[in-house]
Amino acid sequence: MANKTQMLKGILEGCVLRILSEEKLYSQEICERFENLGVGGISRGTILPLLLRMENEGWIAYEKCPIANGPSRKYYSATEKGIEELRSFEKEWKELYLMVNGILKGGEEDEK
């Protein structure tokens, strides 16, 4: 059976959009955020191509910020288009959650 990291890869864009809708972060901070939320194994090698794809879709934008000891970092944030995509993701996620939860409960109604 797939581990939670594998399962998360299918919904990673929505999760990243949610995180970036709250604050500007650079790629390593996004990885650390997942780690702090209990989802290990999300590396920069996974995040960087995802960020590029999301940027190409117009869902996120970045600004370069200088740091004291090294090259500038790209700090990403969600755009208005990204917020719209996040709303769509949240709606689809709730529908999927209810469906899967119903299956796992053996067809019982969700008590919430």
PDB file of N, CA and C in Angstrom:
ATOM      1  N   MET A   1       0.854  -1.188   0.000  1.00  0.00           N
ATOM      2  CA  MET A   1       0.000   0.000   0.000  1.00  0.00           C
ATOM      3  C   MET A   1       0.893   1.242   0.000  1.00  0.00           C
ATOM      4  N   ALA A   2       0.466   2.267  -0.674  1.00  0.00           N
ATOM      5  CA  ALA A   2       1.242   3.507  -0.782  1.00  0.00           C
ATOM      6  C   ALA A   2       1.381   4.186   0.576  1.00  0.00           C
ATOM      7  N   ASN A   3       2.545   4.771   0.807  1.00  0.00           N
ATOM      8  CA  ASN A   3       2.700   5.536   2.042  1.00  0.00           C
ATOM      9  C   ASN A   3       2.080   6.908   1.866  1.00  0.00           C
ATOM     10  N   LYS A   4       1.996   7.667   2.963  1.00  0.00           N
ATOM     11  CA  LYS A   4       1.294   8.954   2.866  1.00  0.00           C
ATOM     12  C   LYS A   4       1.997   9.950   1.955  1.00  0.00           C
ATOM     13  N   THR A   5       3.311   9.846   1.800  1.00  0.00           N
ATOM     14  CA  THR A   5       4.014  10.747   0.893  1.00  0.00           C
ATOM     15  C   THR A   5       3.576  10.492  -0.546  1.00  0.00           C
ATOM     16  N   GLN A   6       3.466   9.222  -0.934  1.00  0.00           N
ATOM     17  CA  GLN A   6       3.009   8.891  -2.280  1.00  0.00           C
ATOM     18  C   GLN A   6       1.576   9.368  -2.494  1.00  0.00           C
ATOM     19  N   MET A   7       0.716   9.188  -1.516  1.00  0.00           N
ATOM     20  CA  MET A   7      -0.666   9.625  -1.633  1.00  0.00           C
ATOM     21  C   MET A   7      -0.736  11.146  -1.742  1.00  0.00           C
ATOM     22  N   LEU A   8       0.128  11.833  -1.023  1.00  0.00           N
ATOM     23  CA  LEU A   8       0.134  13.292  -1.011  1.00  0.00           C
ATOM     24  C   LEU A   8       0.562  13.869  -2.352  1.00  0.00           C
ATOM     25  N   LYS A   9       1.409  13.171  -3.093  1.00  0.00           N
ATOM     26  CA  LYS A   9       1.892  13.711  -4.369  1.00  0.00           C
ATOM     27  C   LYS A   9       0.756  14.048  -5.308  1.00  0.00           C
ATOM     28  N   GLY A  10      -0.348  13.315  -5.237  1.00  0.00           N
ATOM     29  CA  GLY A  10      -1.485  13.605  -6.083  1.00  0.00           C
ATOM     30  C   GLY A  10      -2.220  14.876  -5.714  1.00  0.00           C
ATOM     31  N   ILE A  11      -2.020  15.355  -4.504  1.00  0.00           N
ATOM     32  CA  ILE A  11      -2.719  16.561  -4.037  1.00  0.00           C
ATOM     33  C   ILE A  11      -1.749  17.659  -3.615  1.00  0.00           C
ATOM     34  N   LEU A  12      -0.503  17.481  -3.977  1.00  0.00           N
ATOM     35  CA  LEU A  12       0.546  18.392  -3.533  1.00  0.00           C
ATOM     36  C   LEU A  12       0.338  19.830  -3.992  1.00  0.00           C
ATOM     37  N   GLU A  13      -0.114  20.036  -5.226  1.00  0.00           N
ATOM     38  CA  GLU A  13      -0.313  21.406  -5.715  1.00  0.00           C
ATOM     39  C   GLU A  13      -1.293  22.160  -4.834  1.00  0.00           C
ATOM     40  N   GLY A  14      -2.410  21.529  -4.500  1.00  0.00           N
ATOM     41  CA  GLY A  14      -3.404  22.175  -3.644  1.00  0.00           C
ATOM     42  C   GLY A  14      -2.852  22.492  -2.265  1.00  0.00           C
ATOM     43  N   CYS A  15      -2.054  21.569  -1.726  1.00  0.00           N
ATOM     44  CA  CYS A  15      -1.459  21.798  -0.406  1.00  0.00           C
ATOM     45  C   CYS A  15      -0.453  22.945  -0.438  1.00  0.00           C
ATOM     46  N   VAL A  16       0.352  22.992  -1.495  1.00  0.00           N
ATOM     47  CA  VAL A  16       1.323  24.088  -1.636  1.00  0.00           C
ATOM     48  C   VAL A  16       0.592  25.415  -1.817  1.00  0.00           C
ATOM     49  N   LEU A  17      -0.459  25.420  -2.616  1.00  0.00           N
ATOM     50  CA  LEU A  17      -1.242  26.654  -2.778  1.00  0.00           C
ATOM     51  C   LEU A  17      -1.791  27.130  -1.444  1.00  0.00           C
ATOM     52  N   ARG A  18      -2.285  26.195  -0.635  1.00  0.00           N
ATOM     53  CA  ARG A  18      -2.826  26.569   0.680  1.00  0.00           C
ATOM     54  C   ARG A  18      -1.739  27.212   1.543  1.00  0.00           C
ATOM     55  N   ILE A  19      -0.582  26.596   1.571  1.00  0.00           N
ATOM     56  CA  ILE A  19       0.533  27.119   2.365  1.00  0.00           C
ATOM     57  C   ILE A  19       0.943  28.509   1.866  1.00  0.00           C
ATOM     58  N   LEU A  20       1.044  28.658   0.537  1.00  0.00           N
ATOM     59  CA  LEU A  20       1.491  29.937  -0.027  1.00  0.00           C
ATOM     60  C   LEU A  20       0.399  30.999  -0.035  1.00  0.00           C
ATOM     61  N   SER A  21      -0.828  30.612   0.247  1.00  0.00           N
ATOM     62  CA  SER A  21      -1.893  31.612   0.379  1.00  0.00           C
ATOM     63  C   SER A  21      -1.799  32.318   1.727  1.00  0.00           C
ATOM     64  N   GLU A  22      -1.062  31.729   2.649  1.00  0.00           N
ATOM     65  CA  GLU A  22      -0.927  32.285   4.000  1.00  0.00           C
ATOM     66  C   GLU A  22       0.312  33.156   4.170  1.00  0.00           C
ATOM     67  N   GLU A  23       1.400  32.797   3.481  1.00  0.00           N
ATOM     68  CA  GLU A  23       2.630  33.576   3.620  1.00  0.00           C
ATOM     69  C   GLU A  23       3.608  33.274   2.499  1.00  0.00           C
ATOM     70  N   LYS A  24       4.552  34.192   2.292  1.00  0.00           N
ATOM     71  CA  LYS A  24       5.610  34.002   1.300  1.00  0.00           C
ATOM     72  C   LYS A  24       6.680  33.100   1.901  1.00  0.00           C
ATOM     73  N   LEU A  25       7.081  32.105   1.120  1.00  0.00           N
ATOM     74  CA  LEU A  25       8.109  31.169   1.576  1.00  0.00           C
ATOM     75  C   LEU A  25       9.038  30.836   0.430  1.00  0.00           C
ATOM     76  N   TYR A  26      10.266  30.449   0.737  1.00  0.00           N
ATOM     77  CA  TYR A  26      11.144  29.932  -0.293  1.00  0.00           C
ATOM     78  C   TYR A  26      11.074  28.408  -0.252  1.00  0.00           C
ATOM     79  N   SER A  27      11.611  27.765  -1.261  1.00  0.00           N
ATOM     80  CA  SER A  27      11.379  26.332  -1.462  1.00  0.00           C
ATOM     81  C   SER A  27      11.731  25.476  -0.249  1.00  0.00           C
ATOM     82  N   GLN A  28      12.849  25.727   0.393  1.00  0.00           N
ATOM     83  CA  GLN A  28      13.234  24.912   1.557  1.00  0.00           C
ATOM     84  C   GLN A  28      12.247  25.097   2.707  1.00  0.00           C
ATOM     85  N   GLU A  29      11.718  26.297   2.866  1.00  0.00           N
ATOM     86  CA  GLU A  29      10.728  26.525   3.918  1.00  0.00           C
ATOM     87  C   GLU A  29       9.435  25.754   3.643  1.00  0.00           C
ATOM     88  N   ILE A  30       9.089  25.614   2.379  1.00  0.00           N
ATOM     89  CA  ILE A  30       7.902  24.827   2.026  1.00  0.00           C
ATOM     90  C   ILE A  30       8.125  23.372   2.440  1.00  0.00           C
ATOM     91  N   CYS A  31       9.296  22.835   2.125  1.00  0.00           N
ATOM     92  CA  CYS A  31       9.632  21.463   2.531  1.00  0.00           C
ATOM     93  C   CYS A  31       9.583  21.324   4.048  1.00  0.00           C
ATOM     94  N   GLU A  32      10.126  22.296   4.761  1.00  0.00           N
ATOM     95  CA  GLU A  32      10.118  22.261   6.218  1.00  0.00           C
ATOM     96  C   GLU A  32       8.700  22.337   6.769  1.00  0.00           C
ATOM     97  N   ARG A  33       7.842  23.096   6.108  1.00  0.00           N
ATOM     98  CA  ARG A  33       6.451  23.203   6.536  1.00  0.00           C
ATOM     99  C   ARG A  33       5.770  21.828   6.480  1.00  0.00           C
ATOM    100  N   PHE A  34       6.002  21.100   5.379  1.00  0.00           N
ATOM    101  CA  PHE A  34       5.456  19.746   5.267  1.00  0.00           C
ATOM    102  C   PHE A  34       6.003  18.853   6.377  1.00  0.00           C
ATOM    103  N   GLU A  35       7.296  18.953   6.615  1.00  0.00           N
ATOM    104  CA  GLU A  35       7.924  18.155   7.676  1.00  0.00           C
ATOM    105  C   GLU A  35       7.281  18.470   9.030  1.00  0.00           C
ATOM    106  N   ASN A  36       7.087  19.751   9.323  1.00  0.00           N
ATOM    107  CA  ASN A  36       6.468  20.159  10.587  1.00  0.00           C
ATOM    108  C   ASN A  36       5.022  19.690  10.712  1.00  0.00           C
ATOM    109  N   LEU A  37       4.355  19.490   9.576  1.00  0.00           N
ATOM    110  CA  LEU A  37       2.976  19.004   9.573  1.00  0.00           C
ATOM    111  C   LEU A  37       2.900  17.479   9.605  1.00  0.00           C
ATOM    112  N   GLY A  38       4.066  16.835   9.698  1.00  0.00           N
ATOM    113  CA  GLY A  38       4.095  15.386   9.809  1.00  0.00           C
ATOM    114  C   GLY A  38       4.198  14.649   8.485  1.00  0.00           C
ATOM    115  N   VAL A  39       4.496  15.375   7.419  1.00  0.00           N
ATOM    116  CA  VAL A  39       4.611  14.762   6.100  1.00  0.00           C
ATOM    117  C   VAL A  39       6.067  14.860   5.662  1.00  0.00           C
ATOM    118  N   GLY A  40       6.844  13.855   6.026  1.00  0.00           N
ATOM    119  CA  GLY A  40       8.246  13.841   5.645  1.00  0.00           C
ATOM    120  C   GLY A  40       8.417  13.360   4.217  1.00  0.00           C
ATOM    121  N   GLY A  41       9.589  13.527   3.680  1.00  0.00           N
ATOM    122  CA  GLY A  41       9.900  13.000   2.366  1.00  0.00           C
ATOM    123  C   GLY A  41       9.550  13.912   1.206  1.00  0.00           C
ATOM    124  N   ILE A  42       9.086  15.125   1.466  1.00  0.00           N
ATOM    125  CA  ILE A  42       8.824  16.084   0.391  1.00  0.00           C
ATOM    126  C   ILE A  42      10.095  16.921   0.255  1.00  0.00           C
ATOM    127  N   SER A  43      10.873  16.600  -0.772  1.00  0.00           N
ATOM    128  CA  SER A  43      12.186  17.233  -0.933  1.00  0.00           C
ATOM    129  C   SER A  43      12.116  18.411  -1.891  1.00  0.00           C
ATOM    130  N   ARG A  44      13.201  19.173  -1.924  1.00  0.00           N
ATOM    131  CA  ARG A  44      13.289  20.280  -2.883  1.00  0.00           C
ATOM    132  C   ARG A  44      13.243  19.749  -4.311  1.00  0.00           C
ATOM    133  N   GLY A  45      13.726  18.517  -4.514  1.00  0.00           N
ATOM    134  CA  GLY A  45      13.664  17.902  -5.838  1.00  0.00           C
ATOM    135  C   GLY A  45      12.232  17.657  -6.297  1.00  0.00           C
ATOM    136  N   THR A  46      11.328  17.542  -5.366  1.00  0.00           N
ATOM    137  CA  THR A  46       9.903  17.423  -5.671  1.00  0.00           C
ATOM    138  C   THR A  46       9.267  18.796  -5.785  1.00  0.00           C
ATOM    139  N   ILE A  47       9.633  19.692  -4.885  1.00  0.00           N
ATOM    140  CA  ILE A  47       9.002  21.010  -4.800  1.00  0.00           C
ATOM    141  C   ILE A  47       9.396  21.935  -5.951  1.00  0.00           C
ATOM    142  N   LEU A  48      10.659  21.964  -6.330  1.00  0.00           N
ATOM    143  CA  LEU A  48      11.108  22.926  -7.347  1.00  0.00           C
ATOM    144  C   LEU A  48      10.407  22.762  -8.698  1.00  0.00           C
ATOM    145  N   PRO A  49      10.296  21.546  -9.256  1.00  0.00           N
ATOM    146  CA  PRO A  49       9.559  21.424 -10.523  1.00  0.00           C
ATOM    147  C   PRO A  49       8.074  21.768 -10.365  1.00  0.00           C
ATOM    148  N   LEU A  50       7.525  21.454  -9.215  1.00  0.00           N
ATOM    149  CA  LEU A  50       6.132  21.787  -8.928  1.00  0.00           C
ATOM    150  C   LEU A  50       5.943  23.301  -8.911  1.00  0.00           C
ATOM    151  N   LEU A  51       6.846  24.024  -8.256  1.00  0.00           N
ATOM    152  CA  LEU A  51       6.766  25.486  -8.206  1.00  0.00           C
ATOM    153  C   LEU A  51       6.869  26.086  -9.608  1.00  0.00           C
ATOM    154  N   LEU A  52       7.754  25.543 -10.424  1.00  0.00           N
ATOM    155  CA  LEU A  52       7.898  26.040 -11.796  1.00  0.00           C
ATOM    156  C   LEU A  52       6.605  25.817 -12.586  1.00  0.00           C
ATOM    157  N   ARG A  53       6.020  24.647 -12.447  1.00  0.00           N
ATOM    158  CA  ARG A  53       4.759  24.346 -13.137  1.00  0.00           C
ATOM    159  C   ARG A  53       3.644  25.283 -12.661  1.00  0.00           C
ATOM    160  N   MET A  54       3.571  25.497 -11.354  1.00  0.00           N
ATOM    161  CA  MET A  54       2.544  26.375 -10.789  1.00  0.00           C
ATOM    162  C   MET A  54       2.764  27.826 -11.222  1.00  0.00           C
ATOM    163  N   GLU A  55       4.025  28.227 -11.323  1.00  0.00           N
ATOM    164  CA  GLU A  55       4.342  29.580 -11.797  1.00  0.00           C
ATOM    165  C   GLU A  55       3.913  29.734 -13.258  1.00  0.00           C
ATOM    166  N   ASN A  56       4.174  28.726 -14.070  1.00  0.00           N
ATOM    167  CA  ASN A  56       3.781  28.762 -15.483  1.00  0.00           C
ATOM    168  C   ASN A  56       2.262  28.818 -15.647  1.00  0.00           C
ATOM    169  N   GLU A  57       1.527  28.250 -14.710  1.00  0.00           N
ATOM    170  CA  GLU A  57       0.062  28.303 -14.730  1.00  0.00           C
ATOM    171  C   GLU A  57      -0.465  29.657 -14.241  1.00  0.00           C
ATOM    172  N   GLY A  58       0.421  30.449 -13.631  1.00  0.00           N
ATOM    173  CA  GLY A  58       0.014  31.747 -13.101  1.00  0.00           C
ATOM    174  C   GLY A  58      -0.600  31.656 -11.712  1.00  0.00           C
ATOM    175  N   TRP A  59      -0.417  30.512 -11.030  1.00  0.00           N
ATOM    176  CA  TRP A  59      -0.993  30.307  -9.700  1.00  0.00           C
ATOM    177  C   TRP A  59      -0.133  30.892  -8.594  1.00  0.00           C
ATOM    178  N   ILE A  60       1.163  31.005  -8.858  1.00  0.00           N
ATOM    179  CA  ILE A  60       2.078  31.580  -7.867  1.00  0.00           C
ATOM    180  C   ILE A  60       2.998  32.574  -8.569  1.00  0.00           C
ATOM    181  N   ALA A  61       3.588  33.437  -7.789  1.00  0.00           N
ATOM    182  CA  ALA A  61       4.593  34.386  -8.271  1.00  0.00           C
ATOM    183  C   ALA A  61       5.700  34.417  -7.223  1.00  0.00           C
ATOM    184  N   TYR A  62       6.825  34.940  -7.606  1.00  0.00           N
ATOM    185  CA  TYR A  62       7.921  35.042  -6.638  1.00  0.00           C
ATOM    186  C   TYR A  62       8.539  36.424  -6.697  1.00  0.00           C
ATOM    187  N   GLU A  63       9.220  36.735  -5.612  1.00  0.00           N
ATOM    188  CA  GLU A  63      10.075  37.911  -5.594  1.00  0.00           C
ATOM    189  C   GLU A  63      11.420  37.476  -5.037  1.00  0.00           C
ATOM    190  N   LYS A  64      12.474  38.009  -5.637  1.00  0.00           N
ATOM    191  CA  LYS A  64      13.815  37.674  -5.174  1.00  0.00           C
ATOM    192  C   LYS A  64      14.172  38.593  -4.013  1.00  0.00           C
ATOM    193  N   CYS A  65      14.642  37.967  -2.941  1.00  0.00           N
ATOM    194  CA  CYS A  65      15.048  38.725  -1.758  1.00  0.00           C
ATOM    195  C   CYS A  65      16.500  38.384  -1.443  1.00  0.00           C
ATOM    196  N   PRO A  66      17.323  39.408  -1.250  1.00  0.00           N
ATOM    197  CA  PRO A  66      18.732  39.144  -0.935  1.00  0.00           C
ATOM    198  C   PRO A  66      18.876  38.561   0.469  1.00  0.00           C
ATOM    199  N   ILE A  67      19.901  37.744   0.625  1.00  0.00           N
ATOM    200  CA  ILE A  67      20.247  37.235   1.955  1.00  0.00           C
ATOM    201  C   ILE A  67      21.695  37.608   2.233  1.00  0.00           C
ATOM    202  N   ALA A  68      22.072  37.595   3.497  1.00  0.00           N
ATOM    203  CA  ALA A  68      23.380  38.091   3.897  1.00  0.00           C
ATOM    204  C   ALA A  68      24.539  37.307   3.286  1.00  0.00           C
ATOM    205  N   ASN A  69      24.462  35.984   3.331  1.00  0.00           N
ATOM    206  CA  ASN A  69      25.611  35.171   2.925  1.00  0.00           C
ATOM    207  C   ASN A  69      25.295  34.267   1.745  1.00  0.00           C
ATOM    208  N   GLY A  70      24.924  34.838   0.622  1.00  0.00           N
ATOM    209  CA  GLY A  70      24.654  33.997  -0.531  1.00  0.00           C
ATOM    210  C   GLY A  70      23.780  34.680  -1.557  1.00  0.00           C
ATOM    211  N   PRO A  71      23.366  33.895  -2.542  1.00  0.00           N
ATOM    212  CA  PRO A  71      22.532  34.462  -3.608  1.00  0.00           C
ATOM    213  C   PRO A  71      21.124  34.774  -3.101  1.00  0.00           C
ATOM    214  N   SER A  72      20.421  35.591  -3.842  1.00  0.00           N
ATOM    215  CA  SER A  72      19.042  35.930  -3.497  1.00  0.00           C
ATOM    216  C   SER A  72      18.187  34.673  -3.501  1.00  0.00           C
ATOM    217  N   ARG A  73      17.146  34.685  -2.686  1.00  0.00           N
ATOM    218  CA  ARG A  73      16.191  33.576  -2.638  1.00  0.00           C
ATOM    219  C   ARG A  73      14.892  34.008  -3.284  1.00  0.00           C
ATOM    220  N   LYS A  74      14.236  33.042  -3.913  1.00  0.00           N
ATOM    221  CA  LYS A  74      12.911  33.284  -4.474  1.00  0.00           C
ATOM    222  C   LYS A  74      11.872  32.972  -3.400  1.00  0.00           C
ATOM    223  N   TYR A  75      11.125  33.993  -3.019  1.00  0.00           N
ATOM    224  CA  TYR A  75      10.025  33.814  -2.071  1.00  0.00           C
ATOM    225  C   TYR A  75       8.722  33.776  -2.863  1.00  0.00           C
ATOM    226  N   TYR A  76       8.017  32.666  -2.732  1.00  0.00           N
ATOM    227  CA  TYR A  76       6.800  32.412  -3.508  1.00  0.00           C
ATOM    228  C   TYR A  76       5.555  32.778  -2.717  1.00  0.00           C
ATOM    229  N   SER A  77       4.523  33.202  -3.449  1.00  0.00           N
ATOM    230  CA  SER A  77       3.210  33.453  -2.840  1.00  0.00           C
ATOM    231  C   SER A  77       2.140  33.141  -3.883  1.00  0.00           C
ATOM    232  N   ALA A  78       0.932  32.869  -3.410  1.00  0.00           N
ATOM    233  CA  ALA A  78      -0.181  32.576  -4.300  1.00  0.00           C
ATOM    234  C   ALA A  78      -0.684  33.862  -4.947  1.00  0.00           C
ATOM    235  N   THR A  79      -1.050  33.773  -6.211  1.00  0.00           N
ATOM    236  CA  THR A  79      -1.648  34.896  -6.937  1.00  0.00           C
ATOM    237  C   THR A  79      -3.173  34.806  -6.811  1.00  0.00           C
ATOM    238  N   GLU A  80      -3.870  35.785  -7.340  1.00  0.00           N
ATOM    239  CA  GLU A  80      -5.338  35.715  -7.351  1.00  0.00           C
ATOM    240  C   GLU A  80      -5.817  34.487  -8.111  1.00  0.00           C
ATOM    241  N   LYS A  81      -5.171  34.212  -9.247  1.00  0.00           N
ATOM    242  CA  LYS A  81      -5.513  33.013 -10.019  1.00  0.00           C
ATOM    243  C   LYS A  81      -5.243  31.757  -9.190  1.00  0.00           C
ATOM    244  N   GLY A  82      -4.179  31.783  -8.411  1.00  0.00           N
ATOM    245  CA  GLY A  82      -3.858  30.658  -7.533  1.00  0.00           C
ATOM    246  C   GLY A  82      -4.891  30.478  -6.433  1.00  0.00           C
ATOM    247  N   ILE A  83      -5.395  31.576  -5.896  1.00  0.00           N
ATOM    248  CA  ILE A  83      -6.435  31.508  -4.866  1.00  0.00           C
ATOM    249  C   ILE A  83      -7.708  30.906  -5.458  1.00  0.00           C
ATOM    250  N   GLU A  84      -8.026  31.276  -6.689  1.00  0.00           N
ATOM    251  CA  GLU A  84      -9.187  30.678  -7.372  1.00  0.00           C
ATOM    252  C   GLU A  84      -8.983  29.175  -7.546  1.00  0.00           C
ATOM    253  N   GLU A  85      -7.782  28.786  -7.946  1.00  0.00           N
ATOM    254  CA  GLU A  85      -7.470  27.365  -8.112  1.00  0.00           C
ATOM    255  C   GLU A  85      -7.547  26.650  -6.766  1.00  0.00           C
ATOM    256  N   LEU A  86      -7.098  27.300  -5.705  1.00  0.00           N
ATOM    257  CA  LEU A  86      -7.179  26.724  -4.361  1.00  0.00           C
ATOM    258  C   LEU A  86      -8.628  26.480  -3.969  1.00  0.00           C
ATOM    259  N   ARG A  87      -9.501  27.439  -4.238  1.00  0.00           N
ATOM    260  CA  ARG A  87     -10.928  27.256  -3.923  1.00  0.00           C
ATOM    261  C   ARG A  87     -11.495  26.057  -4.675  1.00  0.00           C
ATOM    262  N   SER A  88     -11.128  25.915  -5.925  1.00  0.00           N
ATOM    263  CA  SER A  88     -11.578  24.781  -6.728  1.00  0.00           C
ATOM    264  C   SER A  88     -11.034  23.467  -6.148  1.00  0.00           C
ATOM    265  N   PHE A  89      -9.757  23.464  -5.789  1.00  0.00           N
ATOM    266  CA  PHE A  89      -9.143  22.285  -5.182  1.00  0.00           C
ATOM    267  C   PHE A  89      -9.861  21.901  -3.896  1.00  0.00           C
ATOM    268  N   GLU A  90     -10.137  22.889  -3.038  1.00  0.00           N
ATOM    269  CA  GLU A  90     -10.796  22.605  -1.757  1.00  0.00           C
ATOM    270  C   GLU A  90     -12.167  21.969  -1.972  1.00  0.00           C
ATOM    271  N   LYS A  91     -12.913  22.459  -2.951  1.00  0.00           N
ATOM    272  CA  LYS A  91     -14.227  21.897  -3.258  1.00  0.00           C
ATOM    273  C   LYS A  91     -14.083  20.445  -3.722  1.00  0.00           C
ATOM    274  N   GLU A  92     -13.173  20.207  -4.654  1.00  0.00           N
ATOM    275  CA  GLU A  92     -12.958  18.856  -5.158  1.00  0.00           C
ATOM    276  C   GLU A  92     -12.445  17.928  -4.059  1.00  0.00           C
ATOM    277  N   TRP A  93     -11.566  18.454  -3.198  1.00  0.00           N
ATOM    278  CA  TRP A  93     -11.026  17.645  -2.112  1.00  0.00           C
ATOM    279  C   TRP A  93     -12.141  17.214  -1.148  1.00  0.00           C
ATOM    280  N   LYS A  94     -13.045  18.113  -0.810  1.00  0.00           N
ATOM    281  CA  LYS A  94     -14.143  17.762   0.094  1.00  0.00           C
ATOM    282  C   LYS A  94     -15.015  16.664  -0.508  1.00  0.00           C
ATOM    283  N   GLU A  95     -15.289  16.765  -1.799  1.00  0.00           N
ATOM    284  CA  GLU A  95     -16.083  15.738  -2.466  1.00  0.00           C
ATOM    285  C   GLU A  95     -15.353  14.394  -2.455  1.00  0.00           C
ATOM    286  N   LEU A  96     -14.063  14.406  -2.749  1.00  0.00           N
ATOM    287  CA  LEU A  96     -13.275  13.181  -2.747  1.00  0.00           C
ATOM    288  C   LEU A  96     -13.195  12.597  -1.336  1.00  0.00           C
ATOM    289  N   TYR A  97     -12.978  13.448  -0.347  1.00  0.00           N
ATOM    290  CA  TYR A  97     -12.911  13.007   1.042  1.00  0.00           C
ATOM    291  C   TYR A  97     -14.200  12.282   1.441  1.00  0.00           C
ATOM    292  N   LEU A  98     -15.343  12.885   1.130  1.00  0.00           N
ATOM    293  CA  LEU A  98     -16.622  12.277   1.493  1.00  0.00           C
ATOM    294  C   LEU A  98     -16.805  10.930   0.797  1.00  0.00           C
ATOM    295  N   MET A  99     -16.421  10.842  -0.464  1.00  0.00           N
ATOM    296  CA  MET A  99     -16.543   9.602  -1.201  1.00  0.00           C
ATOM    297  C   MET A  99     -15.661   8.507  -0.607  1.00  0.00           C
ATOM    298  N   VAL A 100     -14.393   8.812  -0.392  1.00  0.00           N
ATOM    299  CA  VAL A 100     -13.460   7.819   0.153  1.00  0.00           C
ATOM    300  C   VAL A 100     -13.857   7.452   1.578  1.00  0.00           C
ATOM    301  N   ASN A 101     -14.235   8.426   2.357  1.00  0.00           N
ATOM    302  CA  ASN A 101     -14.641   8.149   3.727  1.00  0.00           C
ATOM    303  C   ASN A 101     -15.858   7.223   3.754  1.00  0.00           C
ATOM    304  N   GLY A 102     -16.795   7.446   2.835  1.00  0.00           N
ATOM    305  CA  GLY A 102     -17.962   6.574   2.744  1.00  0.00           C
ATOM    306  C   GLY A 102     -17.566   5.148   2.395  1.00  0.00           C
ATOM    307  N   ILE A 103     -16.620   4.998   1.493  1.00  0.00           N
ATOM    308  CA  ILE A 103     -16.144   3.667   1.120  1.00  0.00           C
ATOM    309  C   ILE A 103     -15.473   2.996   2.314  1.00  0.00           C
ATOM    310  N   LEU A 104     -14.615   3.734   3.009  1.00  0.00           N
ATOM    311  CA  LEU A 104     -13.887   3.165   4.146  1.00  0.00           C
ATOM    312  C   LEU A 104     -14.808   2.795   5.303  1.00  0.00           C
ATOM    313  N   LYS A 105     -15.905   3.497   5.426  1.00  0.00           N
ATOM    314  CA  LYS A 105     -16.884   3.185   6.484  1.00  0.00           C
ATOM    315  C   LYS A 105     -17.863   2.119   6.036  1.00  0.00           C
ATOM    316  N   GLY A 106     -17.681   1.582   4.858  1.00  0.00           N
ATOM    317  CA  GLY A 106     -18.563   0.547   4.379  1.00  0.00           C
ATOM    318  C   GLY A 106     -19.923   1.067   3.955  1.00  0.00           C
ATOM    319  N   GLY A 107     -19.957   2.278   3.451  1.00  0.00           N
ATOM    320  CA  GLY A 107     -21.218   2.842   2.971  1.00  0.00           C
ATOM    321  C   GLY A 107     -22.024   3.555   4.027  1.00  0.00           C
ATOM    322  N   GLU A 108     -21.532   3.620   5.263  1.00  0.00           N
ATOM    323  CA  GLU A 108     -22.256   4.331   6.317  1.00  0.00           C
ATOM    324  C   GLU A 108     -22.251   5.825   6.032  1.00  0.00           C
ATOM    325  N   GLU A 109     -23.273   6.518   6.494  1.00  0.00           N
ATOM    326  CA  GLU A 109     -23.335   7.974   6.356  1.00  0.00           C
ATOM    327  C   GLU A 109     -22.236   8.603   7.197  1.00  0.00           C
ATOM    328  N   ASP A 110     -21.661   9.691   6.698  1.00  0.00           N
ATOM    329  CA  ASP A 110     -20.701  10.466   7.476  1.00  0.00           C
ATOM    330  C   ASP A 110     -21.466  11.171   8.586  1.00  0.00           C
ATOM    331  N   GLU A 111     -21.031  10.984   9.817  1.00  0.00           N
ATOM    332  CA  GLU A 111     -21.770  11.513  10.957  1.00  0.00           C
ATOM    333  C   GLU A 111     -21.541  12.993  11.204  1.00  0.00           C
ATOM    334  N   LYS A 112     -20.681  13.629  10.425  1.00  0.00           N
ATOM    335  CA  LYS A 112     -20.385  15.038  10.640  1.00  0.00           C
ATOM    336  C   LYS A 112     -21.416  15.920  10.021  1.00  0.00           C
TER     337      LYS A 112
END
